[in-house]
Amino acid sequence: MYVLTIDQRNSRKGQDRIPELISALSDIRTEIPFERSVGDEAQAVLSSAEGVIDVTMRCLRDGGWYVGVGVGAIELPLPASPREGRGEAFVAARAAVERAKKAADRTPVAVEGPSPAAEAEAVLALIGRFVMHRSQSEWRILDLLEPQQRGSQSAVARALDISPQAVSKAVNRSAWIEEWAARPAAAVLLQLADQPKGRGE
C-alpha cells in the first residue's frame, strides 16, 4: 500500500491549511482517510497508484505542500486512523516527506520504498514541474479538458468563447498532453515498487 504524508510549507508564517487540504482531498478513494497526523501534516493510506498521483499533482498545483510517498507493507488489520498505523510504508512516508522538505528549488515530492521507487519519484517530479508552473489562464482552460479525449479542445473553445488556437497554445505551453501520457508510467513504477519481492531479489 501507499502512505502519503503531506506537510504544509511555511506553516509557522501562515494560517493552518490542513482542514482545507483534507476537505479538498475528500473525493479521493482511500483505505484510511486523510486526517491530521501531527501539527501541520495530513496523512492517509491508499491502495491505488493512480490515487497517489492525483493527490500529489493536486498538492503540487496548489504550491503549499511537501509530499512524501511511502511504499510497502502495513500491519493488518488496518486501523481507523493513520495515526495508529504501523508498518514499513509509514516509516518510508516519514523519510520521504523529510527528504521532500530539502528539495530547495526542485519539485517538493519524494518517494521511499522498494525499487523502482526512485524511478517513480523521478517521473512524479518531472510531471509535477509542469503542473507547478502553469498560469491561472492556462488552468482556466485545462480544468475543462477531458484527458486523452478527441474533440475535447474544440468543446472547451466553444464553452469559453475563445479560439481553438488559443486552447491549443495553452495545451502546448502547459505540457498537458505530456503530463497525461506520463501518468501511467508513474503508476506502473509505483505498482512495481508495491509488489512483494521474493527471496533473493
N, C-alpha and C. Protein backbone atom coordinates (compact mmCIF):
# COMPACT_ATOMS: atom_id res chain seq x y z
N MET A 1 0.84 -1.19 0.00
CA MET A 1 0.00 0.00 0.00
C MET A 1 0.88 1.25 0.00
N TYR A 2 0.21 2.38 -0.07
CA TYR A 2 0.91 3.65 -0.13
C TYR A 2 0.45 4.54 1.03
N VAL A 3 1.41 5.08 1.75
CA VAL A 3 1.12 6.06 2.78
C VAL A 3 1.56 7.42 2.27
N LEU A 4 0.67 8.38 2.29
CA LEU A 4 1.00 9.75 1.91
C LEU A 4 1.07 10.61 3.15
N THR A 5 2.18 11.27 3.33
CA THR A 5 2.34 12.25 4.40
C THR A 5 2.57 13.60 3.73
N ILE A 6 1.69 14.54 4.01
CA ILE A 6 1.72 15.85 3.34
C ILE A 6 1.93 16.92 4.40
N ASP A 7 2.98 17.68 4.24
CA ASP A 7 3.36 18.68 5.23
C ASP A 7 3.15 20.08 4.65
N GLN A 8 2.55 20.96 5.43
CA GLN A 8 2.30 22.33 4.97
C GLN A 8 3.60 23.13 4.94
N ARG A 9 3.83 23.82 3.84
CA ARG A 9 5.02 24.65 3.71
C ARG A 9 4.81 25.99 4.41
N ASN A 10 5.87 26.47 5.05
CA ASN A 10 5.84 27.77 5.73
C ASN A 10 4.67 27.89 6.70
N SER A 11 4.37 26.81 7.39
CA SER A 11 3.19 26.80 8.26
C SER A 11 3.31 27.76 9.43
N ARG A 12 4.52 28.04 9.86
CA ARG A 12 4.69 28.94 11.01
C ARG A 12 4.37 30.38 10.66
N LYS A 13 4.39 30.70 9.38
CA LYS A 13 4.15 32.08 8.95
C LYS A 13 2.74 32.30 8.42
N GLY A 14 1.97 31.24 8.27
CA GLY A 14 0.63 31.38 7.71
C GLY A 14 -0.41 30.65 8.52
N GLN A 15 -1.62 30.66 8.02
CA GLN A 15 -2.71 30.00 8.72
C GLN A 15 -2.67 28.49 8.52
N ASP A 16 -3.33 27.80 9.40
CA ASP A 16 -3.41 26.34 9.35
C ASP A 16 -4.30 25.95 8.17
N ARG A 17 -3.73 25.26 7.18
CA ARG A 17 -4.48 24.88 5.98
C ARG A 17 -4.80 23.39 5.93
N ILE A 18 -4.51 22.67 6.99
CA ILE A 18 -4.76 21.23 6.98
C ILE A 18 -6.25 20.90 6.81
N PRO A 19 -7.17 21.59 7.53
CA PRO A 19 -8.60 21.30 7.30
C PRO A 19 -9.01 21.53 5.84
N GLU A 20 -8.47 22.59 5.24
CA GLU A 20 -8.75 22.89 3.83
C GLU A 20 -8.25 21.76 2.93
N LEU A 21 -7.04 21.25 3.21
CA LEU A 21 -6.48 20.17 2.41
C LEU A 21 -7.31 18.90 2.53
N ILE A 22 -7.67 18.54 3.74
CA ILE A 22 -8.45 17.32 3.97
C ILE A 22 -9.79 17.40 3.23
N SER A 23 -10.42 18.57 3.27
CA SER A 23 -11.68 18.75 2.55
C SER A 23 -11.48 18.62 1.04
N ALA A 24 -10.40 19.21 0.52
CA ALA A 24 -10.15 19.19 -0.91
C ALA A 24 -9.86 17.78 -1.43
N LEU A 25 -9.34 16.91 -0.55
CA LEU A 25 -8.99 15.55 -0.96
C LEU A 25 -10.05 14.52 -0.55
N SER A 26 -11.20 14.98 -0.12
CA SER A 26 -12.22 14.07 0.41
C SER A 26 -12.81 13.15 -0.66
N ASP A 27 -12.65 13.52 -1.94
CA ASP A 27 -13.20 12.69 -3.01
C ASP A 27 -12.23 11.59 -3.46
N ILE A 28 -11.03 11.59 -2.92
CA ILE A 28 -10.03 10.58 -3.27
C ILE A 28 -10.34 9.28 -2.54
N ARG A 29 -10.31 8.16 -3.25
CA ARG A 29 -10.57 6.87 -2.62
C ARG A 29 -9.36 6.47 -1.77
N THR A 30 -9.59 6.22 -0.50
CA THR A 30 -8.52 5.86 0.43
C THR A 30 -8.90 4.60 1.21
N GLU A 31 -7.89 3.93 1.72
CA GLU A 31 -8.12 2.81 2.63
C GLU A 31 -8.25 3.33 4.07
N ILE A 32 -7.48 4.36 4.39
CA ILE A 32 -7.63 5.11 5.64
C ILE A 32 -7.68 6.57 5.24
N PRO A 33 -8.77 7.28 5.54
CA PRO A 33 -8.94 8.65 5.04
C PRO A 33 -7.89 9.62 5.56
N PHE A 34 -7.72 10.72 4.82
CA PHE A 34 -6.82 11.78 5.25
C PHE A 34 -7.30 12.38 6.57
N GLU A 35 -6.36 12.57 7.46
CA GLU A 35 -6.62 13.32 8.68
C GLU A 35 -5.31 13.91 9.17
N ARG A 36 -5.42 14.86 10.07
CA ARG A 36 -4.22 15.46 10.64
C ARG A 36 -3.45 14.39 11.42
N SER A 37 -2.17 14.30 11.13
CA SER A 37 -1.35 13.32 11.85
C SER A 37 -0.66 14.00 13.02
N VAL A 38 0.22 14.96 12.72
CA VAL A 38 0.85 15.76 13.77
C VAL A 38 0.96 17.19 13.26
N GLY A 39 0.66 18.14 14.11
CA GLY A 39 0.88 19.55 13.76
C GLY A 39 0.31 19.96 12.42
N ASP A 40 1.21 20.27 11.51
CA ASP A 40 0.80 20.79 10.20
C ASP A 40 0.93 19.74 9.11
N GLU A 41 0.64 18.49 9.45
CA GLU A 41 0.70 17.39 8.48
C GLU A 41 -0.64 16.68 8.37
N ALA A 42 -0.88 16.13 7.19
CA ALA A 42 -2.02 15.24 6.96
C ALA A 42 -1.49 13.93 6.43
N GLN A 43 -2.20 12.86 6.73
CA GLN A 43 -1.72 11.54 6.32
C GLN A 43 -2.91 10.66 5.95
N ALA A 44 -2.67 9.74 5.00
CA ALA A 44 -3.71 8.79 4.59
C ALA A 44 -3.04 7.55 4.02
N VAL A 45 -3.82 6.48 3.88
CA VAL A 45 -3.35 5.25 3.26
C VAL A 45 -4.19 4.99 2.02
N LEU A 46 -3.51 4.74 0.90
CA LEU A 46 -4.17 4.46 -0.37
C LEU A 46 -3.70 3.12 -0.92
N SER A 47 -4.54 2.49 -1.71
CA SER A 47 -4.13 1.25 -2.38
C SER A 47 -3.99 1.45 -3.88
N SER A 48 -4.33 2.63 -4.37
CA SER A 48 -4.30 2.92 -5.80
C SER A 48 -3.14 3.83 -6.16
N ALA A 49 -2.30 3.40 -7.10
CA ALA A 49 -1.20 4.24 -7.58
C ALA A 49 -1.74 5.49 -8.27
N GLU A 50 -2.85 5.34 -8.99
CA GLU A 50 -3.45 6.49 -9.67
C GLU A 50 -3.93 7.53 -8.65
N GLY A 51 -4.44 7.05 -7.52
CA GLY A 51 -4.84 7.96 -6.46
C GLY A 51 -3.67 8.72 -5.89
N VAL A 52 -2.55 8.04 -5.72
CA VAL A 52 -1.33 8.69 -5.23
C VAL A 52 -0.92 9.81 -6.17
N ILE A 53 -0.96 9.53 -7.46
CA ILE A 53 -0.57 10.54 -8.46
C ILE A 53 -1.52 11.72 -8.42
N ASP A 54 -2.81 11.45 -8.32
CA ASP A 54 -3.81 12.52 -8.30
C ASP A 54 -3.59 13.44 -7.10
N VAL A 55 -3.41 12.84 -5.92
CA VAL A 55 -3.17 13.64 -4.71
C VAL A 55 -1.90 14.47 -4.87
N THR A 56 -0.85 13.84 -5.35
CA THR A 56 0.43 14.53 -5.50
C THR A 56 0.31 15.73 -6.42
N MET A 57 -0.35 15.55 -7.56
CA MET A 57 -0.46 16.65 -8.52
C MET A 57 -1.36 17.78 -7.99
N ARG A 58 -2.39 17.43 -7.25
CA ARG A 58 -3.24 18.48 -6.66
C ARG A 58 -2.44 19.32 -5.67
N CYS A 59 -1.62 18.64 -4.85
CA CYS A 59 -0.81 19.37 -3.87
C CYS A 59 0.24 20.24 -4.54
N LEU A 60 0.86 19.73 -5.59
CA LEU A 60 1.88 20.50 -6.29
C LEU A 60 1.27 21.67 -7.05
N ARG A 61 0.08 21.49 -7.56
CA ARG A 61 -0.61 22.60 -8.21
C ARG A 61 -0.87 23.72 -7.21
N ASP A 62 -1.29 23.37 -6.03
CA ASP A 62 -1.58 24.36 -5.00
C ASP A 62 -0.31 25.11 -4.58
N GLY A 63 0.79 24.38 -4.53
CA GLY A 63 2.07 25.01 -4.27
C GLY A 63 2.41 25.19 -2.81
N GLY A 64 1.59 24.72 -1.89
CA GLY A 64 1.83 24.97 -0.48
C GLY A 64 2.20 23.75 0.33
N TRP A 65 2.67 22.66 -0.34
CA TRP A 65 2.83 21.40 0.37
C TRP A 65 4.11 20.66 -0.02
N TYR A 66 4.62 19.90 0.94
CA TYR A 66 5.63 18.89 0.68
C TYR A 66 4.91 17.54 0.67
N VAL A 67 5.21 16.71 -0.30
CA VAL A 67 4.52 15.42 -0.43
C VAL A 67 5.51 14.28 -0.27
N GLY A 68 5.25 13.42 0.71
CA GLY A 68 6.05 12.22 0.90
C GLY A 68 5.22 10.98 0.66
N VAL A 69 5.71 10.09 -0.18
CA VAL A 69 5.01 8.84 -0.50
C VAL A 69 5.83 7.68 0.02
N GLY A 70 5.23 6.87 0.87
CA GLY A 70 5.87 5.67 1.38
C GLY A 70 5.22 4.45 0.78
N VAL A 71 6.03 3.53 0.27
CA VAL A 71 5.53 2.32 -0.37
C VAL A 71 5.99 1.11 0.44
N GLY A 72 5.05 0.20 0.70
CA GLY A 72 5.45 -1.01 1.42
C GLY A 72 4.31 -1.61 2.21
N ALA A 73 4.65 -2.53 3.08
CA ALA A 73 3.65 -3.26 3.86
C ALA A 73 3.12 -2.41 5.01
N ILE A 74 1.89 -2.71 5.40
CA ILE A 74 1.25 -2.08 6.55
C ILE A 74 0.67 -3.19 7.41
N GLU A 75 0.84 -3.05 8.71
CA GLU A 75 0.31 -4.08 9.62
C GLU A 75 -1.21 -4.11 9.56
N LEU A 76 -1.75 -5.33 9.50
CA LEU A 76 -3.19 -5.54 9.47
C LEU A 76 -3.67 -6.03 10.83
N PRO A 77 -4.94 -5.80 11.16
CA PRO A 77 -5.94 -5.09 10.36
C PRO A 77 -5.66 -3.59 10.30
N LEU A 78 -6.14 -2.95 9.24
CA LEU A 78 -5.93 -1.52 9.10
C LEU A 78 -6.64 -0.78 10.22
N PRO A 79 -5.98 0.18 10.82
CA PRO A 79 -6.62 0.96 11.88
C PRO A 79 -7.59 1.97 11.29
N ALA A 80 -8.42 2.56 12.11
CA ALA A 80 -9.36 3.58 11.65
C ALA A 80 -8.66 4.89 11.35
N SER A 81 -7.53 5.13 12.00
CA SER A 81 -6.80 6.39 11.84
C SER A 81 -5.37 6.12 11.40
N PRO A 82 -4.83 6.94 10.50
CA PRO A 82 -3.42 6.75 10.12
C PRO A 82 -2.47 6.98 11.28
N ARG A 83 -2.90 7.70 12.29
CA ARG A 83 -2.03 7.93 13.45
C ARG A 83 -1.75 6.65 14.21
N GLU A 84 -2.60 5.63 14.01
CA GLU A 84 -2.43 4.36 14.69
C GLU A 84 -1.75 3.32 13.80
N GLY A 85 -1.40 3.72 12.59
CA GLY A 85 -0.83 2.79 11.63
C GLY A 85 0.61 2.42 11.92
N ARG A 86 0.95 1.19 11.56
CA ARG A 86 2.30 0.69 11.74
C ARG A 86 2.70 -0.06 10.48
N GLY A 87 4.00 -0.10 10.25
CA GLY A 87 4.49 -0.85 9.10
C GLY A 87 5.51 -0.05 8.30
N GLU A 88 6.16 -0.73 7.37
CA GLU A 88 7.27 -0.11 6.63
C GLU A 88 6.82 1.05 5.76
N ALA A 89 5.57 1.03 5.28
CA ALA A 89 5.11 2.14 4.45
C ALA A 89 5.01 3.43 5.25
N PHE A 90 4.66 3.34 6.52
CA PHE A 90 4.60 4.54 7.37
C PHE A 90 6.00 5.09 7.62
N VAL A 91 6.94 4.18 7.87
CA VAL A 91 8.32 4.61 8.08
C VAL A 91 8.86 5.27 6.81
N ALA A 92 8.56 4.66 5.67
CA ALA A 92 9.03 5.20 4.39
C ALA A 92 8.42 6.56 4.10
N ALA A 93 7.15 6.74 4.43
CA ALA A 93 6.49 8.03 4.19
C ALA A 93 7.12 9.13 5.02
N ARG A 94 7.50 8.82 6.25
CA ARG A 94 8.16 9.81 7.10
C ARG A 94 9.50 10.22 6.50
N ALA A 95 10.27 9.24 6.06
CA ALA A 95 11.55 9.55 5.43
C ALA A 95 11.35 10.35 4.15
N ALA A 96 10.31 10.02 3.40
CA ALA A 96 10.05 10.70 2.13
C ALA A 96 9.69 12.16 2.34
N VAL A 97 8.80 12.46 3.27
CA VAL A 97 8.39 13.86 3.45
C VAL A 97 9.53 14.69 4.01
N GLU A 98 10.37 14.08 4.84
CA GLU A 98 11.53 14.82 5.36
C GLU A 98 12.50 15.14 4.22
N ARG A 99 12.64 14.23 3.28
CA ARG A 99 13.51 14.48 2.14
C ARG A 99 12.89 15.50 1.20
N ALA A 100 11.57 15.46 1.05
CA ALA A 100 10.89 16.43 0.19
C ALA A 100 11.10 17.85 0.70
N LYS A 101 11.20 18.01 2.03
CA LYS A 101 11.41 19.33 2.62
C LYS A 101 12.77 19.92 2.25
N LYS A 102 13.69 19.06 1.82
CA LYS A 102 15.03 19.51 1.46
C LYS A 102 15.17 19.71 -0.05
N ALA A 103 14.05 19.77 -0.75
CA ALA A 103 14.09 19.83 -2.22
C ALA A 103 14.59 21.16 -2.76
N ALA A 104 14.63 22.19 -1.90
CA ALA A 104 15.07 23.53 -2.34
C ALA A 104 14.21 23.99 -3.51
N ASP A 105 14.82 24.23 -4.66
CA ASP A 105 14.07 24.71 -5.83
C ASP A 105 13.51 23.59 -6.68
N ARG A 106 13.72 22.35 -6.26
CA ARG A 106 13.20 21.22 -7.03
C ARG A 106 11.75 20.94 -6.65
N THR A 107 11.13 20.03 -7.36
CA THR A 107 9.75 19.64 -7.08
C THR A 107 9.68 19.00 -5.69
N PRO A 108 8.82 19.51 -4.79
CA PRO A 108 8.80 19.03 -3.40
C PRO A 108 8.02 17.73 -3.22
N VAL A 109 8.48 16.67 -3.87
CA VAL A 109 7.88 15.36 -3.72
C VAL A 109 8.98 14.33 -3.62
N ALA A 110 8.78 13.32 -2.78
CA ALA A 110 9.75 12.24 -2.64
C ALA A 110 9.01 10.93 -2.45
N VAL A 111 9.60 9.85 -2.95
CA VAL A 111 9.03 8.51 -2.81
C VAL A 111 10.08 7.61 -2.20
N GLU A 112 9.70 6.90 -1.13
CA GLU A 112 10.60 5.95 -0.48
C GLU A 112 9.94 4.58 -0.50
N GLY A 113 10.75 3.56 -0.77
CA GLY A 113 10.25 2.20 -0.79
C GLY A 113 11.13 1.32 -1.64
N PRO A 114 10.69 0.09 -1.89
CA PRO A 114 11.49 -0.81 -2.72
C PRO A 114 11.64 -0.28 -4.14
N SER A 115 12.63 -0.79 -4.84
CA SER A 115 12.81 -0.47 -6.25
C SER A 115 11.56 -0.89 -7.03
N PRO A 116 11.11 -0.05 -7.99
CA PRO A 116 11.69 1.18 -8.52
C PRO A 116 11.08 2.46 -7.95
N ALA A 117 11.10 2.63 -6.62
CA ALA A 117 10.54 3.83 -6.00
C ALA A 117 11.26 5.09 -6.48
N ALA A 118 12.58 5.01 -6.64
CA ALA A 118 13.35 6.18 -7.08
C ALA A 118 12.93 6.61 -8.48
N GLU A 119 12.68 5.64 -9.34
CA GLU A 119 12.25 5.96 -10.70
C GLU A 119 10.84 6.55 -10.70
N ALA A 120 9.98 6.04 -9.81
CA ALA A 120 8.63 6.61 -9.68
C ALA A 120 8.72 8.07 -9.24
N GLU A 121 9.61 8.34 -8.29
CA GLU A 121 9.80 9.71 -7.83
C GLU A 121 10.26 10.61 -8.97
N ALA A 122 11.16 10.14 -9.80
CA ALA A 122 11.68 10.95 -10.90
C ALA A 122 10.57 11.34 -11.87
N VAL A 123 9.68 10.40 -12.17
CA VAL A 123 8.59 10.70 -13.10
C VAL A 123 7.60 11.66 -12.44
N LEU A 124 7.26 11.43 -11.18
CA LEU A 124 6.35 12.34 -10.48
C LEU A 124 6.93 13.75 -10.40
N ALA A 125 8.23 13.86 -10.14
CA ALA A 125 8.86 15.17 -10.06
C ALA A 125 8.82 15.88 -11.41
N LEU A 126 9.03 15.13 -12.48
CA LEU A 126 9.01 15.73 -13.81
C LEU A 126 7.61 16.22 -14.17
N ILE A 127 6.61 15.37 -13.95
CA ILE A 127 5.23 15.79 -14.21
C ILE A 127 4.86 16.97 -13.32
N GLY A 128 5.26 16.87 -12.06
CA GLY A 128 4.93 17.92 -11.10
C GLY A 128 5.50 19.27 -11.48
N ARG A 129 6.66 19.29 -12.11
CA ARG A 129 7.25 20.57 -12.53
C ARG A 129 6.36 21.25 -13.57
N PHE A 130 5.81 20.47 -14.49
CA PHE A 130 4.85 21.04 -15.44
C PHE A 130 3.67 21.66 -14.70
N VAL A 131 3.11 20.87 -13.76
CA VAL A 131 1.92 21.29 -13.04
C VAL A 131 2.17 22.56 -12.23
N MET A 132 3.31 22.65 -11.59
CA MET A 132 3.62 23.76 -10.70
C MET A 132 3.77 25.09 -11.44
N HIS A 133 4.15 25.04 -12.71
CA HIS A 133 4.47 26.27 -13.42
C HIS A 133 3.38 26.73 -14.40
N ARG A 134 2.20 26.17 -14.27
CA ARG A 134 1.10 26.62 -15.13
C ARG A 134 0.47 27.89 -14.57
N SER A 135 0.02 28.75 -15.49
CA SER A 135 -0.61 30.00 -15.09
C SER A 135 -2.10 29.79 -14.83
N GLN A 136 -2.72 30.77 -14.19
CA GLN A 136 -4.16 30.71 -13.94
C GLN A 136 -4.95 30.69 -15.24
N SER A 137 -4.47 31.42 -16.23
CA SER A 137 -5.17 31.43 -17.53
C SER A 137 -5.09 30.07 -18.20
N GLU A 138 -3.96 29.37 -18.02
CA GLU A 138 -3.86 28.02 -18.56
C GLU A 138 -4.78 27.06 -17.82
N TRP A 139 -4.82 27.17 -16.49
CA TRP A 139 -5.70 26.29 -15.71
C TRP A 139 -7.16 26.53 -16.06
N ARG A 140 -7.52 27.76 -16.38
CA ARG A 140 -8.90 28.05 -16.77
C ARG A 140 -9.32 27.19 -17.95
N ILE A 141 -8.40 26.93 -18.83
CA ILE A 141 -8.66 26.08 -20.00
C ILE A 141 -8.50 24.60 -19.65
N LEU A 142 -7.41 24.26 -18.98
CA LEU A 142 -7.11 22.86 -18.71
C LEU A 142 -8.14 22.19 -17.81
N ASP A 143 -8.72 22.95 -16.89
CA ASP A 143 -9.72 22.38 -15.98
C ASP A 143 -10.97 21.90 -16.69
N LEU A 144 -11.17 22.38 -17.92
CA LEU A 144 -12.35 21.96 -18.67
C LEU A 144 -12.05 20.84 -19.66
N LEU A 145 -10.80 20.51 -19.82
CA LEU A 145 -10.42 19.47 -20.78
C LEU A 145 -10.63 18.07 -20.20
N GLU A 146 -10.93 17.14 -21.09
CA GLU A 146 -11.01 15.73 -20.71
C GLU A 146 -9.73 15.06 -21.20
N PRO A 147 -8.91 14.55 -20.29
CA PRO A 147 -7.64 13.95 -20.71
C PRO A 147 -7.82 12.86 -21.76
N GLN A 148 -7.01 12.96 -22.81
CA GLN A 148 -6.93 11.93 -23.86
C GLN A 148 -8.26 11.69 -24.57
N GLN A 149 -9.10 12.72 -24.64
CA GLN A 149 -10.38 12.63 -25.35
C GLN A 149 -10.34 13.49 -26.61
N ARG A 150 -10.54 12.87 -27.75
CA ARG A 150 -10.56 13.62 -29.00
C ARG A 150 -11.75 14.58 -29.03
N GLY A 151 -11.54 15.76 -29.53
CA GLY A 151 -12.61 16.75 -29.62
C GLY A 151 -12.79 17.59 -28.38
N SER A 152 -12.04 17.27 -27.34
CA SER A 152 -12.18 17.99 -26.08
C SER A 152 -11.77 19.46 -26.22
N GLN A 153 -10.72 19.72 -26.99
CA GLN A 153 -10.24 21.10 -27.12
C GLN A 153 -11.26 21.99 -27.82
N SER A 154 -11.93 21.46 -28.84
CA SER A 154 -12.95 22.24 -29.55
C SER A 154 -14.11 22.57 -28.63
N ALA A 155 -14.51 21.61 -27.80
CA ALA A 155 -15.62 21.83 -26.87
C ALA A 155 -15.25 22.91 -25.85
N VAL A 156 -14.03 22.92 -25.39
CA VAL A 156 -13.59 23.93 -24.42
C VAL A 156 -13.55 25.31 -25.07
N ALA A 157 -13.09 25.37 -26.30
CA ALA A 157 -13.06 26.65 -27.02
C ALA A 157 -14.45 27.24 -27.12
N ARG A 158 -15.43 26.41 -27.42
CA ARG A 158 -16.81 26.89 -27.52
C ARG A 158 -17.33 27.31 -26.15
N ALA A 159 -17.03 26.54 -25.13
CA ALA A 159 -17.52 26.84 -23.78
C ALA A 159 -16.97 28.16 -23.26
N LEU A 160 -15.72 28.46 -23.59
CA LEU A 160 -15.07 29.68 -23.10
C LEU A 160 -15.16 30.83 -24.10
N ASP A 161 -15.73 30.54 -25.26
CA ASP A 161 -15.86 31.54 -26.33
C ASP A 161 -14.50 32.11 -26.70
N ILE A 162 -13.55 31.22 -26.90
CA ILE A 162 -12.23 31.58 -27.38
C ILE A 162 -11.91 30.73 -28.59
N SER A 163 -10.84 31.05 -29.27
CA SER A 163 -10.50 30.32 -30.49
C SER A 163 -9.89 28.97 -30.16
N PRO A 164 -10.06 28.00 -31.04
CA PRO A 164 -9.39 26.71 -30.86
C PRO A 164 -7.88 26.87 -30.80
N GLN A 165 -7.36 27.87 -31.50
CA GLN A 165 -5.91 28.10 -31.48
C GLN A 165 -5.45 28.51 -30.08
N ALA A 166 -6.26 29.31 -29.38
CA ALA A 166 -5.90 29.72 -28.02
C ALA A 166 -5.85 28.51 -27.09
N VAL A 167 -6.81 27.61 -27.25
CA VAL A 167 -6.81 26.40 -26.45
C VAL A 167 -5.58 25.56 -26.76
N SER A 168 -5.29 25.41 -28.05
CA SER A 168 -4.14 24.61 -28.47
C SER A 168 -2.84 25.16 -27.92
N LYS A 169 -2.69 26.48 -27.94
CA LYS A 169 -1.47 27.10 -27.41
C LYS A 169 -1.33 26.84 -25.91
N ALA A 170 -2.44 26.95 -25.18
CA ALA A 170 -2.40 26.70 -23.74
C ALA A 170 -2.01 25.25 -23.46
N VAL A 171 -2.57 24.34 -24.24
CA VAL A 171 -2.26 22.91 -24.07
C VAL A 171 -0.78 22.65 -24.33
N ASN A 172 -0.27 23.25 -25.40
CA ASN A 172 1.14 23.03 -25.74
C ASN A 172 2.09 23.65 -24.73
N ARG A 173 1.80 24.89 -24.31
CA ARG A 173 2.67 25.58 -23.34
C ARG A 173 2.72 24.84 -22.01
N SER A 174 1.60 24.28 -21.61
CA SER A 174 1.48 23.68 -20.28
C SER A 174 1.91 22.22 -20.21
N ALA A 175 2.25 21.63 -21.36
CA ALA A 175 2.62 20.21 -21.42
C ALA A 175 1.50 19.31 -20.87
N TRP A 176 0.27 19.70 -21.15
CA TRP A 176 -0.90 18.93 -20.69
C TRP A 176 -0.90 17.52 -21.26
N ILE A 177 -0.66 17.40 -22.56
CA ILE A 177 -0.67 16.08 -23.20
C ILE A 177 0.45 15.22 -22.64
N GLU A 178 1.63 15.83 -22.45
CA GLU A 178 2.76 15.08 -21.92
C GLU A 178 2.50 14.60 -20.49
N GLU A 179 1.84 15.44 -19.70
CA GLU A 179 1.51 15.02 -18.34
C GLU A 179 0.67 13.75 -18.33
N TRP A 180 -0.40 13.77 -19.12
CA TRP A 180 -1.33 12.64 -19.09
C TRP A 180 -0.77 11.42 -19.80
N ALA A 181 0.23 11.62 -20.67
CA ALA A 181 0.92 10.47 -21.27
C ALA A 181 1.88 9.84 -20.28
N ALA A 182 2.42 10.65 -19.35
CA ALA A 182 3.41 10.15 -18.40
C ALA A 182 2.79 9.60 -17.12
N ARG A 183 1.58 9.99 -16.81
CA ARG A 183 0.95 9.49 -15.57
C ARG A 183 0.92 7.96 -15.50
N PRO A 184 0.55 7.26 -16.58
CA PRO A 184 0.54 5.79 -16.50
C PRO A 184 1.92 5.21 -16.21
N ALA A 185 2.98 5.86 -16.69
CA ALA A 185 4.33 5.37 -16.40
C ALA A 185 4.62 5.48 -14.91
N ALA A 186 4.22 6.60 -14.30
CA ALA A 186 4.40 6.75 -12.85
C ALA A 186 3.61 5.69 -12.10
N ALA A 187 2.39 5.42 -12.57
CA ALA A 187 1.55 4.42 -11.91
C ALA A 187 2.18 3.03 -11.97
N VAL A 188 2.71 2.66 -13.13
CA VAL A 188 3.35 1.35 -13.29
C VAL A 188 4.54 1.21 -12.33
N LEU A 189 5.34 2.26 -12.24
CA LEU A 189 6.51 2.22 -11.36
C LEU A 189 6.10 2.12 -9.89
N LEU A 190 5.07 2.85 -9.49
CA LEU A 190 4.57 2.75 -8.12
C LEU A 190 4.03 1.35 -7.83
N GLN A 191 3.32 0.77 -8.79
CA GLN A 191 2.77 -0.57 -8.62
C GLN A 191 3.88 -1.60 -8.50
N LEU A 192 4.93 -1.45 -9.30
CA LEU A 192 6.06 -2.39 -9.22
C LEU A 192 6.76 -2.29 -7.87
N ALA A 193 6.89 -1.07 -7.36
CA ALA A 193 7.52 -0.88 -6.05
C ALA A 193 6.69 -1.52 -4.94
N ASP A 194 5.39 -1.61 -5.16
CA ASP A 194 4.49 -2.14 -4.13
C ASP A 194 4.32 -3.65 -4.20
N GLN A 195 4.91 -4.28 -5.21
CA GLN A 195 4.77 -5.73 -5.32
C GLN A 195 5.71 -6.44 -4.36
N PRO A 196 5.20 -7.46 -3.65
CA PRO A 196 6.10 -8.21 -2.75
C PRO A 196 7.25 -8.83 -3.52
N LYS A 197 8.44 -8.70 -2.99
CA LYS A 197 9.63 -9.25 -3.64
C LYS A 197 9.94 -10.63 -3.05
N GLY A 198 10.25 -11.53 -3.93
CA GLY A 198 10.62 -12.88 -3.46
C GLY A 198 12.00 -12.92 -2.85
N ARG A 199 12.31 -13.97 -2.17
CA ARG A 199 13.62 -14.12 -1.54
C ARG A 199 14.70 -14.14 -2.62
N GLY A 200 15.76 -13.47 -2.31
CA GLY A 200 16.88 -13.44 -3.23
C GLY A 200 16.80 -12.31 -4.22
N GLU A 201 15.69 -11.56 -4.26
CA GLU A 201 15.57 -10.44 -5.19
C GLU A 201 16.09 -9.18 -4.53
